[in-house]
Amino acid sequence: MLVAALGLTILGFAFLVAAVATGSIGWAWACIAVGALGLLLLLIDLIRGRGGPGGEKGHEPADDPTRAHADHPTEG
């Protein structure tokens, strides 16, 4: 869904450029509509809980060697 929201953002920007270039109110309304649809997709994605960097909330890999653990301090 994030990819769709990004695509709508690019489309909305194109509509904004067209509205400024032509002075037509129709392009401006299309830009607003596409922006609102993109915002709706982002809100749905946030509510479903897939907006975090890990994909799902509370999911942490068990054996990630790059992650620093407080219970295993390194000496040095």
Protein backbone atom coordinates (compact mmCIF):
# COMPACT_ATOMS: atom_id res chain seq x y z
CA MET A 1 0.00 0.00 0.00
CA LEU A 2 2.93 2.31 0.57
CA VAL A 3 3.97 1.92 -3.06
CA ALA A 4 0.47 2.87 -4.16
CA ALA A 5 0.57 5.95 -1.92
CA LEU A 6 3.93 6.93 -3.41
CA GLY A 7 2.53 6.53 -6.91
CA LEU A 8 -0.45 8.71 -6.01
CA THR A 9 1.93 11.33 -4.63
CA ILE A 10 3.80 11.47 -7.93
CA LEU A 11 0.51 11.63 -9.85
CA GLY A 12 -0.75 14.40 -7.56
CA PHE A 13 2.43 16.39 -8.16
CA ALA A 14 1.95 16.01 -11.91
CA PHE A 15 -1.63 17.28 -11.55
CA LEU A 16 -0.34 20.23 -9.51
CA VAL A 17 2.16 21.14 -12.21
CA ALA A 18 -0.57 20.85 -14.85
CA ALA A 19 -2.89 23.06 -12.78
CA VAL A 20 -0.26 25.77 -12.40
CA ALA A 21 0.81 25.58 -16.03
CA THR A 22 -2.69 25.72 -17.52
CA GLY A 23 -4.53 27.68 -14.84
CA SER A 24 -7.35 25.14 -14.95
CA ILE A 25 -9.29 24.45 -11.77
CA GLY A 26 -10.02 20.89 -12.91
CA TRP A 27 -6.37 19.86 -12.56
CA ALA A 28 -6.26 21.45 -9.11
CA TRP A 29 -9.30 19.45 -7.96
CA ALA A 30 -7.74 16.29 -9.39
CA CYS A 31 -4.59 17.03 -7.38
CA ILE A 32 -6.65 17.43 -4.19
CA ALA A 33 -8.59 14.22 -4.85
CA VAL A 34 -5.46 12.18 -5.55
CA GLY A 35 -3.76 13.61 -2.45
CA ALA A 36 -6.75 12.72 -0.28
CA LEU A 37 -6.79 9.19 -1.66
CA GLY A 38 -3.07 8.80 -0.95
CA LEU A 39 -3.59 10.06 2.61
CA LEU A 40 -6.41 7.58 3.07
CA LEU A 41 -4.15 4.73 1.94
CA LEU A 42 -1.45 5.83 4.39
CA LEU A 43 -3.95 5.98 7.25
CA ILE A 44 -5.29 2.53 6.43
CA ASP A 45 -1.74 1.21 6.35
CA LEU A 46 -0.99 2.84 9.71
CA ILE A 47 -4.13 1.40 11.31
CA ARG A 48 -3.32 -2.07 10.03
CA GLY A 49 0.06 -1.77 11.74
CA ARG A 50 2.36 -2.12 8.78
CA GLY A 51 3.84 1.36 8.92
CA GLY A 52 6.89 0.43 10.99
CA PRO A 53 10.32 -0.45 9.66
CA GLY A 54 10.00 -4.10 10.70
CA GLY A 55 6.74 -4.72 8.90
CA GLU A 56 4.78 -5.80 11.95
CA LYS A 57 4.75 -4.27 15.39
CA GLY A 58 6.61 -6.17 18.06
CA HIS A 59 8.53 -8.32 15.60
CA GLU A 60 12.22 -8.55 16.39
CA PRO A 61 14.56 -11.11 14.82
CA ALA A 62 15.91 -13.55 17.41
CA ASP A 63 19.48 -13.79 16.18
CA ASP A 64 20.34 -10.47 14.56
CA PRO A 65 24.11 -10.00 14.91
CA THR A 66 23.93 -6.29 14.11
CA ARG A 67 21.60 -5.50 16.98
CA ALA A 68 23.25 -4.39 20.24
CA HIS A 69 21.81 -6.03 23.33
CA ALA A 70 21.89 -4.35 26.73
CA ASP A 71 22.13 -7.68 28.54
CA HIS A 72 25.35 -8.61 26.64
CA PRO A 73 27.71 -5.65 26.93
CA THR A 74 30.93 -5.75 25.03
CA GLU A 75 34.15 -5.19 26.90
CA GLY A 76 36.96 -3.21 25.48
